Protein backbone atom coordinates (compact mmCIF):
# COMPACT_ATOMS: atom_id res chain seq x y z
CA MET A 1 0.00 0.00 0.00
CA SER A 2 1.23 3.45 -0.85
CA GLY A 3 -0.16 6.78 0.27
CA GLU A 4 -1.15 7.47 -3.34
CA THR A 5 -3.20 4.29 -3.46
CA ALA A 6 -4.80 5.13 -0.15
CA TRP A 7 -5.80 8.62 -1.16
CA ARG A 8 -7.11 7.49 -4.53
CA SER A 9 -9.76 5.54 -2.60
CA GLY A 10 -10.45 8.41 -0.20
CA ASP A 11 -11.22 12.07 -0.81
CA ALA A 12 -8.80 12.68 -3.66
CA TRP A 13 -11.60 14.55 -5.46
CA ALA A 14 -11.47 17.33 -2.88
CA GLU A 15 -8.05 18.75 -3.65
CA ALA A 16 -8.92 22.41 -3.18
CA GLY A 17 -9.41 23.88 0.27
CA ILE A 18 -8.25 20.87 2.30
CA ARG A 19 -7.15 22.09 5.71
CA ALA A 20 -7.03 18.80 7.65
CA ALA A 21 -7.21 15.04 7.19
CA VAL A 22 -8.59 12.03 9.04
CA VAL A 23 -6.98 8.64 8.41
CA VAL A 24 -8.96 5.55 9.43
CA ALA A 25 -6.88 2.40 10.02
CA HIS A 26 -8.47 -1.06 9.95
CA GLY A 27 -7.63 -4.07 12.08
CA GLY A 28 -6.04 -7.38 11.20
CA LYS A 29 -4.41 -10.47 12.68
CA SER A 30 -1.57 -11.13 15.06
CA VAL A 31 0.38 -13.10 12.44
CA SER A 32 -0.28 -13.26 8.70
CA THR A 33 1.65 -12.35 5.58
CA GLU A 34 -1.37 -12.86 3.34
CA PRO A 35 -2.20 -9.78 1.24
CA THR A 36 -5.06 -7.64 2.50
CA GLY A 37 -7.87 -7.64 -0.02
CA PRO A 38 -10.64 -5.04 -0.29
CA LEU A 39 -13.25 -7.57 0.90
CA GLU A 40 -11.52 -8.52 4.15
CA LEU A 41 -13.93 -8.14 7.06
CA ALA A 42 -11.41 -6.00 8.95
CA VAL A 43 -11.44 -3.55 6.03
CA LEU A 44 -15.17 -3.65 5.35
CA ARG A 45 -16.24 -3.01 8.93
CA MET A 46 -14.39 0.32 8.99
CA ALA A 47 -15.99 1.66 5.81
CA PRO A 48 -19.25 2.77 7.53
CA LEU A 49 -17.24 4.52 10.23
CA ALA A 50 -15.09 6.35 7.68
CA ASN A 51 -18.22 7.30 5.75
CA ALA A 52 -19.86 8.62 8.92
CA ILE A 53 -16.87 10.93 9.47
CA ARG A 54 -16.92 11.95 5.81
CA ARG A 55 -20.62 12.88 5.96
CA ALA A 56 -20.34 14.73 9.27
CA LEU A 57 -17.35 16.82 8.13
CA ARG A 58 -18.48 17.47 4.57
CA GLY A 59 -17.89 21.10 3.68
CA CYS A 60 -15.33 21.59 6.48
CA GLY A 61 -12.25 21.13 4.30
CA VAL A 62 -11.38 17.74 5.81
CA ALA A 63 -10.20 14.84 3.64
CA VAL A 64 -10.97 11.35 4.95
CA CYS A 65 -8.88 8.35 3.93
CA GLN A 66 -9.24 4.63 4.67
CA PRO A 67 -5.96 3.01 3.57
CA ARG A 68 -5.51 -0.75 3.24
CA PHE A 69 -2.47 -2.44 4.77
CA GLN A 70 -0.30 -4.55 2.49
CA VAL A 71 -0.59 -7.69 4.61
CA GLN A 72 -3.15 -8.85 7.14
CA GLY A 73 -0.87 -9.38 10.14
CA TRP A 74 1.20 -7.44 12.65
CA ASN A 75 3.93 -10.09 12.49
CA GLY A 76 5.95 -9.56 15.63
CA ASP A 77 8.97 -7.29 15.36
CA LEU A 78 8.13 -6.56 11.73
CA ALA A 79 5.12 -4.50 12.89
CA SER A 80 4.02 -4.69 9.26
CA PRO A 81 1.27 -2.03 9.22
CA VAL A 82 3.42 0.62 10.89
CA ALA A 83 5.50 1.28 7.78
CA ASP A 84 2.34 1.35 5.66
CA LEU A 85 0.73 3.95 7.87
CA GLY A 86 3.91 6.02 7.94
CA ARG A 87 3.90 6.13 4.15
CA VAL A 88 0.29 7.31 4.14
CA LEU A 89 1.20 10.15 6.47
CA ASP A 90 4.15 11.14 4.30
CA GLU A 91 1.94 11.11 1.20
CA THR A 92 -0.67 13.20 3.00
CA CYS A 93 1.94 15.88 3.67
CA LEU A 94 3.14 15.80 0.07
CA ARG A 95 -0.40 15.98 -1.27
CA TYR A 96 -1.94 18.59 1.04
CA GLY A 97 0.98 20.37 2.68
CA ASP A 98 1.29 21.25 6.34
CA ILE A 99 -2.12 20.19 7.65
CA PRO A 100 -3.10 18.44 10.89
CA VAL A 101 -3.90 14.74 10.67
CA VAL A 102 -6.19 12.78 12.98
CA LEU A 103 -5.57 9.03 13.18
CA ILE A 104 -8.44 6.70 14.11
CA GLY A 105 -7.59 3.02 14.38
CA HIS A 106 -9.42 -0.17 15.27
CA SER A 107 -7.68 -3.14 16.91
CA MET A 108 -4.36 -3.73 15.08
CA GLY A 109 -4.89 -0.47 13.19
CA ALA A 110 -5.03 1.34 16.52
CA ARG A 111 -1.75 -0.21 17.58
CA ALA A 112 -0.17 0.99 14.33
CA ALA A 113 -1.70 4.44 14.74
CA PHE A 114 -0.26 4.84 18.22
CA ARG A 115 3.15 3.68 17.00
CA VAL A 116 3.28 6.40 14.29
CA ALA A 117 1.79 9.12 16.49
CA GLY A 118 5.15 10.89 16.66
CA HIS A 119 4.91 11.84 12.97
CA PRO A 120 4.96 15.67 12.80
CA ALA A 121 1.64 15.79 10.93
CA VAL A 122 -0.26 13.89 13.62
CA THR A 123 -2.15 15.96 16.17
CA ALA A 124 -4.63 13.42 17.53
CA ILE A 125 -5.01 9.62 17.81
CA ALA A 126 -8.03 7.52 18.69
CA GLY A 127 -7.95 3.82 19.47
CA LEU A 128 -11.30 2.03 19.19
CA ALA A 129 -11.27 -1.46 20.72
CA PRO A 130 -7.49 -1.19 20.38
CA TRP A 131 -4.87 -3.90 20.60
CA LEU A 132 -2.35 -2.42 23.01
CA PRO A 133 -0.39 -5.22 24.70
CA PRO A 134 1.95 -4.50 27.62
CA GLY A 135 5.14 -2.70 26.66
CA GLU A 136 3.73 -0.49 23.91
CA PRO A 137 5.54 2.90 23.95
CA VAL A 138 3.80 6.13 24.97
CA ASP A 139 6.45 8.87 24.71
CA GLN A 140 5.49 9.57 21.08
CA LEU A 141 2.05 10.73 22.26
CA ALA A 142 3.37 13.90 23.89
CA ALA A 143 1.33 16.98 22.93
CA ARG A 144 -1.21 14.87 21.03
CA ARG A 145 -4.93 14.56 21.79
CA VAL A 146 -5.71 10.94 22.65
CA LEU A 147 -8.90 8.90 22.87
CA LEU A 148 -9.07 5.32 24.08
CA ALA A 149 -12.48 3.64 23.84
CA HIS A 150 -13.15 -0.01 24.60
CA GLY A 151 -16.27 -2.13 25.00
CA THR A 152 -17.05 -4.14 28.10
CA ALA A 153 -17.98 -7.20 26.00
CA ASP A 154 -14.72 -7.34 24.00
CA ARG A 155 -13.35 -10.89 24.07
CA VAL A 156 -10.58 -10.34 21.52
CA THR A 157 -8.45 -7.48 22.86
CA PRO A 158 -8.52 -7.03 26.66
CA PRO A 159 -10.02 -3.74 27.88
CA ALA A 160 -7.75 -3.96 30.94
CA GLU A 161 -4.69 -3.56 28.70
CA THR A 162 -6.24 -0.44 27.18
CA TRP A 163 -6.87 1.11 30.59
CA SER A 164 -3.29 0.26 31.62
CA TYR A 165 -1.96 1.92 28.46
CA ALA A 166 -4.10 4.98 29.19
CA GLY A 167 -2.60 5.28 32.65
CA ARG A 168 0.91 5.31 31.23
CA ALA A 169 -0.04 7.68 28.40
CA ARG A 170 -1.35 10.21 30.89
CA SER A 171 2.23 10.75 32.00
CA VAL A 172 2.91 12.54 28.69
CA THR A 173 -0.47 13.93 27.51
CA ASP A 174 -4.17 14.28 28.26
CA VAL A 175 -6.18 11.15 27.49
CA ALA A 176 -9.93 10.69 27.14
CA VAL A 177 -10.93 7.20 28.29
CA ILE A 178 -14.40 5.94 27.41
CA GLU A 179 -15.89 2.57 28.28
CA VAL A 180 -18.69 1.40 26.01
CA ARG A 181 -21.15 -0.76 27.91
CA GLY A 182 -21.84 -3.94 25.96
CA GLY A 183 -19.51 -2.98 23.13
CA GLU A 184 -17.84 -5.98 21.45
CA HIS A 185 -14.68 -6.11 19.40
CA THR A 186 -16.09 -5.82 15.88
CA MET A 187 -18.03 -2.66 16.85
CA VAL A 188 -20.99 -3.96 14.82
CA TRP A 189 -23.34 -3.99 17.77
CA ARG A 190 -23.76 -0.37 18.94
CA ALA A 191 -22.19 0.77 15.66
CA PRO A 192 -23.96 4.18 15.74
CA LEU A 193 -22.30 4.96 19.08
CA TRP A 194 -18.84 3.99 17.81
CA HIS A 195 -19.44 6.17 14.76
CA ARG A 196 -20.45 9.14 16.92
CA LEU A 197 -17.31 8.68 19.01
CA ALA A 198 -15.15 8.83 15.88
CA VAL A 199 -17.03 11.83 14.48
CA GLU A 200 -16.96 13.78 17.72
CA PHE A 201 -13.29 13.05 18.31
CA SER A 202 -12.51 14.30 14.80
CA ARG A 203 -14.53 17.48 15.38
CA LEU A 204 -12.88 18.30 18.69
CA SER A 205 -9.39 17.45 17.46
CA LEU A 206 -9.75 19.77 14.45
CA GLY A 207 -11.26 22.67 16.36
CA LEU A 208 -14.71 22.25 14.84
CA PRO A 209 -17.92 22.89 16.81
CA ALA A 210 -18.86 19.98 19.04
CA GLY A 211 -22.04 18.10 18.36
CA PRO A 212 -24.85 17.84 20.91
CA GLY A 213 -25.60 14.94 23.20
CA GLU A 214 -23.97 12.33 25.38
CA VAL A 215 -20.81 11.83 23.35
CA ALA A 216 -19.65 15.45 23.61
CA LYS A 217 -20.39 15.40 27.34
CA ALA A 218 -18.52 12.12 27.72
CA PHE A 219 -15.41 13.54 26.06
CA LYS A 220 -15.37 16.51 28.41
CA GLU A 221 -15.65 14.32 31.49
CA ALA A 222 -13.30 11.60 30.25
CA THR A 223 -10.54 14.04 29.41
CA ALA A 224 -10.86 15.48 32.91
CA GLY A 225 -9.60 12.14 34.20
CA ASP A 226 -12.74 10.16 34.96
CA GLN A 227 -13.42 6.95 33.08
CA ARG A 228 -16.77 7.45 31.41
CA THR A 229 -19.27 4.72 30.60
CA LEU A 230 -21.68 5.36 27.74
CA ALA A 231 -24.98 3.53 28.22
């Protein structure tokens, strides 16, 4: 995957007036060198979320991109998707110039997003049902806005590891921590709530007016340091 390929499938039509970008990173597997096809479930399940952001921010000068990783797995020390995501960020800078980029990742995509958070274009990172095993670094998050959201019914990636990561990340930056009651790993059940979280995080991170309702309130309280459960 190259940044060019990623942006060709995103908002490449909106070249003029782009002032910010949101990059949505899909999940994958712990180990696999199989190519990632466009019909992989990990890819498909993020399309509605990316489209929700695209619709909500239409007319705001924000390009939204959903890149596809070259291979399906993380693959140990190779950390395969990290290089892919780094190339997308580099291409974003070449294409649109010095604009802020918000990263939103699910599962393995969240792990990759947090790894590349030190890229100078990145201003905010959200991990939705993230895969953040012990030992993941946090220093690269300094001065970035961070959201960590995990469902109580996730049986694939442990919520406890996310909360532990959040505690360490708070040593270098402010972190909003939101617990989604009944949320499972695929984010299919309660999908509208996950979509609103992604939309609202994008709005707040880019200095756009906050939307009404429970999600905006939850962000305010979660960033203040209290873990917030959304019913």
